[in-house]
Amino acid sequence: MTTNRIGTITLAIDGMSCGHCVTAVTKVLSTVAGVKVQSVALGSAVIEAADGLAASQAMAALGEAGYSATAPGDVAVTSARRPAWGGAGCCSGAKNVMQRGTPGADASGGCCR
């Protein structure tokens, strides 16, 4: 990341297709130290990052969760796309990210497949 100060960054996120994905991405980003989630919508997230390392860690965490994230205009923070949860579909994977008992997560049956 090119910034070394607190800043607002809009991430473009590939692989989101439903509300469960929004919840999963929000949860993943919320666990990254130095990152405050401003908003998450299908295909994007706005975060406030304490520094470039926090922004890079947020993108790496999204990559680990099966999403590809880029910060427009900054190719240095592109995460590698990995298969989402062994190809089981985003809702199946979201069940692994979200807490048990989250409404819709356990009973969705993989709405995005």
Protein backbone atom coordinates (compact mmCIF):
# COMPACT_ATOMS: atom_id res chain seq x y z
CA MET A 1 0.00 0.00 0.00
CA THR A 2 1.31 3.43 -0.80
CA THR A 3 -0.01 5.28 2.25
CA ASN A 4 1.51 5.31 5.73
CA ARG A 5 -1.27 7.22 7.47
CA ILE A 6 -4.87 6.66 8.41
CA GLY A 7 -6.98 6.82 5.30
CA THR A 8 -10.22 5.74 3.76
CA ILE A 9 -9.84 3.10 1.08
CA THR A 10 -12.48 1.66 -1.22
CA LEU A 11 -11.81 -1.98 -2.06
CA ALA A 12 -13.27 -3.65 -5.12
CA ILE A 13 -14.12 -7.23 -4.10
CA ASP A 14 -14.71 -10.03 -6.59
CA GLY A 15 -16.66 -13.13 -5.63
CA MET A 16 -19.51 -11.58 -3.64
CA SER A 17 -22.96 -12.57 -4.84
CA CYS A 18 -25.41 -12.32 -1.92
CA GLY A 19 -26.17 -10.93 1.50
CA HIS A 20 -24.30 -13.79 3.14
CA CYS A 21 -21.17 -12.67 1.30
CA VAL A 22 -21.64 -9.13 2.62
CA THR A 23 -21.88 -10.51 6.16
CA ALA A 24 -18.84 -12.76 5.68
CA VAL A 25 -16.70 -9.94 4.24
CA THR A 26 -17.76 -7.60 7.04
CA LYS A 27 -16.79 -10.20 9.64
CA VAL A 28 -13.42 -10.91 7.98
CA LEU A 29 -12.52 -7.21 7.73
CA SER A 30 -13.63 -6.61 11.33
CA THR A 31 -11.00 -9.04 12.58
CA VAL A 32 -8.04 -7.19 11.03
CA ALA A 33 -6.09 -5.00 13.45
CA GLY A 34 -5.88 -1.38 12.33
CA VAL A 35 -8.94 -1.62 10.07
CA LYS A 36 -12.31 -0.01 10.76
CA VAL A 37 -15.14 -1.09 8.45
CA GLN A 38 -17.13 1.87 7.14
CA SER A 39 -19.47 -0.05 4.82
CA VAL A 40 -19.72 -3.27 2.80
CA ALA A 41 -21.92 -3.83 -0.25
CA LEU A 42 -21.94 -6.39 -3.03
CA GLY A 43 -18.63 -5.96 -4.82
CA SER A 44 -17.04 -3.36 -2.57
CA ALA A 45 -16.05 -2.31 0.92
CA VAL A 46 -15.00 1.03 2.35
CA ILE A 47 -12.49 0.74 5.16
CA GLU A 48 -10.42 3.09 7.24
CA ALA A 49 -6.90 1.71 7.52
CA ALA A 50 -4.39 2.77 10.15
CA ASP A 51 -1.57 2.30 7.64
CA GLY A 52 -0.56 0.47 4.50
CA LEU A 53 0.21 -2.71 6.42
CA ALA A 54 -3.32 -2.85 7.83
CA ALA A 55 -4.78 -2.37 4.34
CA SER A 56 -2.58 -5.12 2.95
CA GLN A 57 -3.54 -7.43 5.82
CA ALA A 58 -7.23 -6.73 5.13
CA MET A 59 -6.76 -7.74 1.51
CA ALA A 60 -4.81 -10.84 2.49
CA ALA A 61 -7.58 -11.83 4.93
CA LEU A 62 -10.15 -11.46 2.15
CA GLY A 63 -7.95 -13.62 -0.10
CA GLU A 64 -7.83 -16.30 2.60
CA ALA A 65 -11.63 -16.17 2.79
CA GLY A 66 -11.89 -16.81 -0.96
CA TYR A 67 -12.44 -13.28 -2.27
CA SER A 68 -10.24 -11.23 -4.58
CA ALA A 69 -9.81 -7.62 -3.45
CA THR A 70 -8.17 -4.68 -5.16
CA ALA A 71 -7.78 -1.06 -4.21
CA PRO A 72 -8.51 0.91 -7.40
CA GLY A 73 -5.41 2.68 -8.66
CA ASP A 74 -3.00 0.70 -6.49
CA VAL A 75 -1.95 -2.62 -8.02
CA ALA A 76 0.45 -3.23 -5.12
CA VAL A 77 -2.41 -4.32 -2.87
CA THR A 78 -4.07 -6.89 -5.09
CA SER A 79 -4.79 -10.15 -3.28
CA ALA A 80 -4.49 -13.49 -5.00
CA ARG A 81 -7.77 -15.21 -5.88
CA ARG A 82 -8.15 -18.57 -4.21
CA PRO A 83 -10.95 -21.06 -4.66
CA ALA A 84 -13.67 -20.23 -2.17
CA TRP A 85 -13.99 -23.04 0.37
CA GLY A 86 -13.20 -25.88 -1.98
CA GLY A 87 -15.81 -24.86 -4.53
CA ALA A 88 -18.68 -25.48 -2.14
CA GLY A 89 -20.26 -22.10 -2.87
CA CYS A 90 -20.10 -18.86 -0.96
CA CYS A 91 -22.94 -19.65 1.43
CA SER A 92 -21.35 -22.90 2.44
CA GLY A 93 -18.09 -21.07 3.10
CA ALA A 94 -19.83 -18.22 4.85
CA LYS A 95 -21.09 -20.74 7.38
CA ASN A 96 -17.45 -21.36 8.28
CA VAL A 97 -16.76 -17.64 8.71
CA MET A 98 -19.93 -16.57 10.50
CA GLN A 99 -20.75 -17.58 14.04
CA ARG A 100 -22.95 -20.57 14.45
CA GLY A 101 -26.55 -19.61 14.89
CA THR A 102 -26.35 -16.57 12.61
CA PRO A 103 -29.85 -16.32 11.09
CA GLY A 104 -29.79 -17.71 7.58
CA ALA A 105 -26.24 -19.03 7.71
CA ASP A 106 -26.97 -22.52 8.92
CA ALA A 107 -30.29 -22.91 7.11
CA SER A 108 -29.41 -21.32 3.77
CA GLY A 109 -28.51 -24.58 2.05
CA GLY A 110 -26.17 -22.67 -0.24
CA CYS A 111 -28.47 -20.15 -1.90
CA CYS A 112 -25.74 -19.00 -4.25
CA ARG A 113 -25.03 -22.35 -5.89
